[in-house]
Amino acid sequence: MKIAEYIQSLATEGRLLADAAQQVGTGAPVPTCPDWQVRDLLRHTAMVHTWAAAFVTEGHVQYVPDAGEPDLDGPALLDRFRAGHQLLVEALERAPEDLECWAFLPAPSPLAFWARRQAHETTIHRADAESARGGVLSPVAPDHAVDGVDELLCGFHARPRSRVRTDVPRTLRVRATDTGTVWTVRLSTEHPAAVREDEPSALPPVDCELSATAQELYLTLWNRRPMTALTVTGDPGLAHLWRENSSVTWS
C-alpha cells in the first residue's frame, strides 16, 4: 500500500470508530477487549494518536513516552478523540517524504511506518468500537487486511519480545483464500521467523495451516475474532498457541 492509502484508511477508520462510540455510549462494554468499556478504548486510541503525531510533527529521533490518557468521558472524550485523530491525519498529510524520526518496526521510511502503523491501530480499534455497538462490522478491504497481517507476522512477531514460541521447532502457514497471499511462520524457542511467499502454489507441507479470507485472518490474528473463524488444518495446538501467546500490548 502507498502512504496516501494508509492515510486515507486512517481517516476513514477513525471516523467510523468515533461514530460507533457515539452511538453506543462510553459506558458500553467492548466484547473484543473484555477488560474495557468504550471510554477505555477512546482514551487509549486518543493517547496513541497524539503520541504518534508528536513524532511526525516534532521529529523526535529517539523514543519519547506517551503523555498519558486523557482524563475525560462522555461528549468531551469523543471531542478529544476526534480532534486528536484529525491532528494525526493532517500531520501525516503534511509531513515531508524524507521525514526523519523514531520508528519501531522496519519500513521504507519513518513516514511510511507511522502511516501504516496508525492505519492498522485505528482499524483494529474501530472493530472494537463496532463490536461494542453490535451488528455487522464495517468491511476491511483485502489489500488493507493483507498488509495488516504482514505487519503483524513480519513486523511485530519478528521482534524478540514475541511470546509465540515452541520448545520443538514447528512451522505454521497462514493463507488468505481470497487474495492468494501466503505466509510461512517458523516457530522455535526464538521469536517467530515469518516470510511472505513469492510462489505460494508450490510449498512444502507444514505442521498447521490457518486459512480464511484476508479480512478474517486480519481480525482473528489480531485476536478480534474467534479462532473458529478460520479453517485450521493440521495440528490445532499451534492455533491454540497463537491465541494464547500472540497478543500485542502497549507496555
Protein backbone atom coordinates (compact mmCIF):
# COMPACT_ATOMS: atom_id res chain seq x y z
CA MET A 1 0.00 0.00 0.00
CA LYS A 2 1.08 3.59 -0.64
CA ILE A 3 1.45 6.18 2.11
CA ALA A 4 -1.55 8.12 0.80
CA GLU A 5 -3.66 4.94 1.01
CA TYR A 6 -2.65 4.39 4.62
CA ILE A 7 -3.57 7.95 5.49
CA GLN A 8 -6.94 7.61 3.77
CA SER A 9 -7.61 4.39 5.68
CA LEU A 10 -6.65 6.10 8.93
CA ALA A 11 -9.03 8.97 8.20
CA THR A 12 -11.94 6.67 7.36
CA GLU A 13 -11.40 4.21 10.19
CA GLY A 14 -11.13 6.95 12.81
CA ARG A 15 -14.43 8.45 11.73
CA LEU A 16 -16.10 5.02 11.87
CA LEU A 17 -14.64 4.42 15.33
CA ALA A 18 -15.97 7.73 16.64
CA ASP A 19 -19.39 7.17 15.09
CA ALA A 20 -19.74 3.73 16.68
CA ALA A 21 -18.58 5.04 20.06
CA GLN A 22 -21.08 7.89 19.92
CA GLN A 23 -23.92 5.55 19.03
CA VAL A 24 -23.29 3.12 21.88
CA GLY A 25 -22.02 5.47 24.59
CA THR A 26 -18.76 5.47 26.54
CA GLY A 27 -20.03 3.11 29.25
CA ALA A 28 -20.71 0.19 26.91
CA PRO A 29 -18.57 -2.94 27.31
CA VAL A 30 -16.17 -3.89 24.50
CA PRO A 31 -16.59 -7.63 23.78
CA THR A 32 -13.31 -7.89 21.88
CA CYS A 33 -11.41 -6.33 24.82
CA PRO A 34 -13.24 -7.76 27.86
CA ASP A 35 -11.49 -5.51 30.38
CA TRP A 36 -12.52 -2.34 28.55
CA GLN A 37 -15.51 -0.11 28.21
CA VAL A 38 -15.78 2.25 25.25
CA ARG A 39 -14.30 5.07 27.33
CA ASP A 40 -11.13 2.99 27.80
CA LEU A 41 -10.95 2.37 24.07
CA LEU A 42 -11.32 6.07 23.26
CA ARG A 43 -8.81 7.17 25.90
CA HIS A 44 -6.23 4.66 24.69
CA THR A 45 -6.62 5.44 20.99
CA ALA A 46 -6.66 9.20 21.59
CA MET A 47 -3.40 8.85 23.52
CA VAL A 48 -1.80 6.75 20.78
CA HIS A 49 -2.82 9.20 18.06
CA THR A 50 -1.36 12.15 19.97
CA TRP A 51 1.83 10.22 20.74
CA ALA A 52 2.28 9.24 17.08
CA ALA A 53 1.55 12.74 15.80
CA ALA A 54 4.29 14.16 18.02
CA PHE A 55 6.95 12.02 16.33
CA VAL A 56 5.78 13.19 12.92
CA THR A 57 5.41 16.89 13.73
CA GLU A 58 8.33 17.29 16.15
CA GLY A 59 10.78 14.87 14.53
CA HIS A 60 11.89 13.02 17.65
CA VAL A 61 14.70 10.68 16.62
CA GLN A 62 14.62 8.73 19.88
CA TYR A 63 11.78 7.11 21.80
CA VAL A 64 9.61 9.54 23.75
CA PRO A 65 6.98 8.13 26.15
CA ASP A 66 3.34 8.99 25.72
CA ALA A 67 1.80 11.80 27.76
CA GLY A 68 -0.88 9.59 29.30
CA GLU A 69 -4.53 9.03 28.51
CA PRO A 70 -6.97 11.98 28.67
CA ASP A 71 -8.98 12.08 31.89
CA LEU A 72 -12.25 12.74 30.09
CA ASP A 73 -15.55 10.97 29.49
CA GLY A 74 -18.77 11.36 27.55
CA PRO A 75 -19.03 14.01 24.80
CA ALA A 76 -15.80 15.70 25.93
CA LEU A 77 -13.88 12.46 25.40
CA LEU A 78 -15.41 11.96 21.96
CA ASP A 79 -14.46 15.52 21.01
CA ARG A 80 -10.93 14.90 22.26
CA PHE A 81 -10.67 11.70 20.22
CA ARG A 82 -11.91 13.36 17.05
CA ALA A 83 -9.55 16.32 17.45
CA GLY A 84 -6.52 14.10 18.07
CA HIS A 85 -7.41 11.85 15.17
CA GLN A 86 -7.70 14.80 12.81
CA LEU A 87 -4.41 16.20 14.09
CA LEU A 88 -2.68 12.91 13.25
CA VAL A 89 -4.22 12.70 9.79
CA GLU A 90 -3.15 16.26 8.99
CA ALA A 91 0.34 15.70 10.41
CA LEU A 92 0.87 12.71 8.12
CA GLU A 93 -0.59 14.51 5.10
CA ARG A 94 1.75 17.47 5.59
CA ALA A 95 4.89 15.54 6.52
CA PRO A 96 7.78 15.56 4.02
CA GLU A 97 8.66 12.28 2.34
CA ASP A 98 12.17 12.47 3.82
CA LEU A 99 10.84 12.84 7.38
CA GLU A 100 13.39 11.69 9.96
CA CYS A 101 12.02 10.40 13.25
CA TRP A 102 11.96 7.35 15.51
CA ALA A 103 10.13 4.20 14.44
CA PHE A 104 9.98 0.75 15.98
CA LEU A 105 9.37 -1.56 13.01
CA PRO A 106 11.24 -1.83 9.69
CA ALA A 107 9.69 0.33 6.94
CA PRO A 108 10.73 2.08 3.72
CA SER A 109 10.74 5.36 5.66
CA PRO A 110 9.63 6.76 9.04
CA LEU A 111 6.65 8.38 7.33
CA ALA A 112 5.63 5.06 5.79
CA PHE A 113 5.98 3.39 9.19
CA TRP A 114 3.77 5.84 11.08
CA ALA A 115 1.12 5.99 8.36
CA ARG A 116 0.94 2.19 8.21
CA ARG A 117 1.06 1.62 11.96
CA GLN A 118 -1.66 4.16 12.74
CA ALA A 119 -3.90 2.94 9.90
CA HIS A 120 -3.87 -0.56 11.41
CA GLU A 121 -4.00 0.64 15.02
CA THR A 122 -7.16 2.56 14.19
CA THR A 123 -8.74 -0.19 12.07
CA ILE A 124 -8.42 -2.77 14.84
CA HIS A 125 -9.81 -0.38 17.44
CA ARG A 126 -12.62 0.58 15.07
CA ALA A 127 -13.56 -3.10 15.07
CA ASP A 128 -13.53 -2.93 18.88
CA ALA A 129 -15.90 0.04 18.89
CA GLU A 130 -18.25 -1.62 16.40
CA SER A 131 -18.23 -4.83 18.45
CA ALA A 132 -19.46 -2.75 21.38
CA ARG A 133 -22.22 -1.31 19.22
CA GLY A 134 -23.21 -4.71 17.85
CA GLY A 135 -24.28 -5.64 14.36
CA VAL A 136 -22.14 -6.25 11.29
CA LEU A 137 -18.61 -4.84 11.31
CA SER A 138 -17.56 -2.46 8.57
CA PRO A 139 -15.57 -4.38 5.94
CA VAL A 140 -11.79 -4.29 5.69
CA ALA A 141 -10.51 -4.07 2.11
CA PRO A 142 -8.50 -7.17 1.16
CA ASP A 143 -5.28 -5.26 0.39
CA HIS A 144 -5.52 -3.44 3.74
CA ALA A 145 -6.16 -6.72 5.57
CA VAL A 146 -3.24 -8.46 3.85
CA ASP A 147 -0.97 -5.56 4.77
CA GLY A 148 -2.12 -5.76 8.39
CA VAL A 149 -1.39 -9.49 8.57
CA ASP A 150 2.01 -8.82 7.04
CA GLU A 151 2.78 -6.13 9.63
CA LEU A 152 1.76 -8.47 12.44
CA LEU A 153 3.66 -11.55 11.26
CA CYS A 154 6.76 -9.98 9.72
CA GLY A 155 6.92 -6.91 11.97
CA PHE A 156 5.54 -7.31 15.48
CA HIS A 157 6.30 -11.01 15.87
CA ALA A 158 9.75 -10.69 14.34
CA ARG A 159 10.73 -8.78 17.48
CA PRO A 160 12.47 -10.55 20.38
CA ARG A 161 9.57 -9.70 22.69
CA SER A 162 7.15 -12.02 20.84
CA ARG A 163 5.89 -14.79 23.12
CA VAL A 164 4.86 -17.16 20.31
CA ARG A 165 7.48 -19.87 20.87
CA THR A 166 7.77 -23.65 20.91
CA ASP A 167 10.28 -25.99 22.55
CA VAL A 168 10.29 -28.14 19.41
CA PRO A 169 10.61 -26.33 16.03
CA ARG A 170 7.26 -26.18 14.22
CA THR A 171 6.01 -24.49 11.07
CA LEU A 172 2.76 -22.57 10.67
CA ARG A 173 1.26 -21.44 7.37
CA VAL A 174 -1.20 -18.56 7.00
CA ARG A 175 -3.22 -18.39 3.78
CA ALA A 176 -5.63 -15.69 2.56
CA THR A 177 -8.12 -17.56 0.41
CA ASP A 178 -9.43 -14.52 -1.47
CA THR A 179 -6.11 -12.92 -2.40
CA GLY A 180 -3.89 -15.99 -2.59
CA THR A 181 -1.38 -14.42 -0.20
CA VAL A 182 0.60 -16.92 1.88
CA TRP A 183 2.99 -16.59 4.79
CA THR A 184 5.17 -19.30 6.34
CA VAL A 185 5.98 -18.81 10.02
CA ARG A 186 8.77 -20.87 11.61
CA LEU A 187 8.37 -21.30 15.34
CA SER A 188 11.07 -22.27 17.82
CA THR A 189 12.46 -21.22 21.19
CA GLU A 190 13.38 -17.92 19.49
CA HIS A 191 10.97 -15.30 18.17
CA PRO A 192 8.99 -16.37 15.06
CA ALA A 193 10.55 -16.05 11.61
CA ALA A 194 7.86 -15.24 9.04
CA VAL A 195 8.20 -14.85 5.28
CA ARG A 196 5.66 -13.86 2.69
CA GLU A 197 5.87 -16.47 -0.04
CA ASP A 198 6.55 -15.39 -3.62
CA GLU A 199 5.45 -18.74 -5.09
CA PRO A 200 2.55 -19.91 -2.89
CA SER A 201 1.45 -22.65 -5.28
CA ALA A 202 4.40 -24.98 -4.63
CA LEU A 203 5.22 -25.06 -0.94
CA PRO A 204 6.31 -27.92 1.33
CA PRO A 205 3.90 -29.25 3.98
CA VAL A 206 3.71 -27.60 7.39
CA ASP A 207 2.55 -28.62 10.87
CA CYS A 208 -0.55 -26.39 10.77
CA GLU A 209 -2.27 -24.08 8.30
CA LEU A 210 -4.68 -21.25 9.11
CA SER A 211 -6.79 -20.14 6.16
CA ALA A 212 -9.65 -17.71 5.57
CA THR A 213 -10.36 -14.50 3.71
CA ALA A 214 -7.82 -11.73 4.31
CA GLN A 215 -10.32 -9.85 6.49
CA GLU A 216 -10.99 -12.89 8.71
CA LEU A 217 -7.27 -13.59 9.03
CA TYR A 218 -6.60 -9.96 9.93
CA LEU A 219 -9.22 -9.74 12.64
CA THR A 220 -8.55 -13.22 14.01
CA LEU A 221 -4.77 -13.00 14.17
CA TRP A 222 -5.19 -9.68 15.97
CA ASN A 223 -7.48 -11.59 18.37
CA ARG A 224 -10.68 -9.74 17.41
CA ARG A 225 -12.43 -12.86 16.07
CA PRO A 226 -12.52 -16.40 17.48
CA MET A 227 -10.14 -18.96 16.01
CA THR A 228 -13.23 -20.79 14.75
CA ALA A 229 -13.49 -18.05 12.08
CA LEU A 230 -10.53 -19.74 10.37
CA THR A 231 -10.06 -23.14 8.79
CA VAL A 232 -7.42 -24.96 10.83
CA THR A 233 -5.63 -27.81 9.04
CA GLY A 234 -3.10 -30.00 10.84
CA ASP A 235 -2.12 -29.61 14.48
CA PRO A 236 -4.73 -27.42 16.23
CA GLY A 237 -2.29 -26.94 19.08
CA LEU A 238 -0.45 -24.31 17.04
CA ALA A 239 -3.69 -22.36 16.57
CA HIS A 240 -4.18 -22.52 20.34
CA LEU A 241 -0.57 -21.43 20.87
CA TRP A 242 -1.19 -18.36 18.72
CA ARG A 243 -4.40 -17.47 20.53
CA GLU A 244 -2.81 -17.75 23.96
CA ASN A 245 0.51 -16.01 23.28
CA SER A 246 0.24 -13.57 20.38
CA SER A 247 -1.42 -10.55 21.93
CA VAL A 248 0.41 -7.24 21.35
CA THR A 249 0.25 -4.98 24.39
CA TRP A 250 1.01 -1.28 24.81
CA SER A 251 3.53 -1.65 27.64
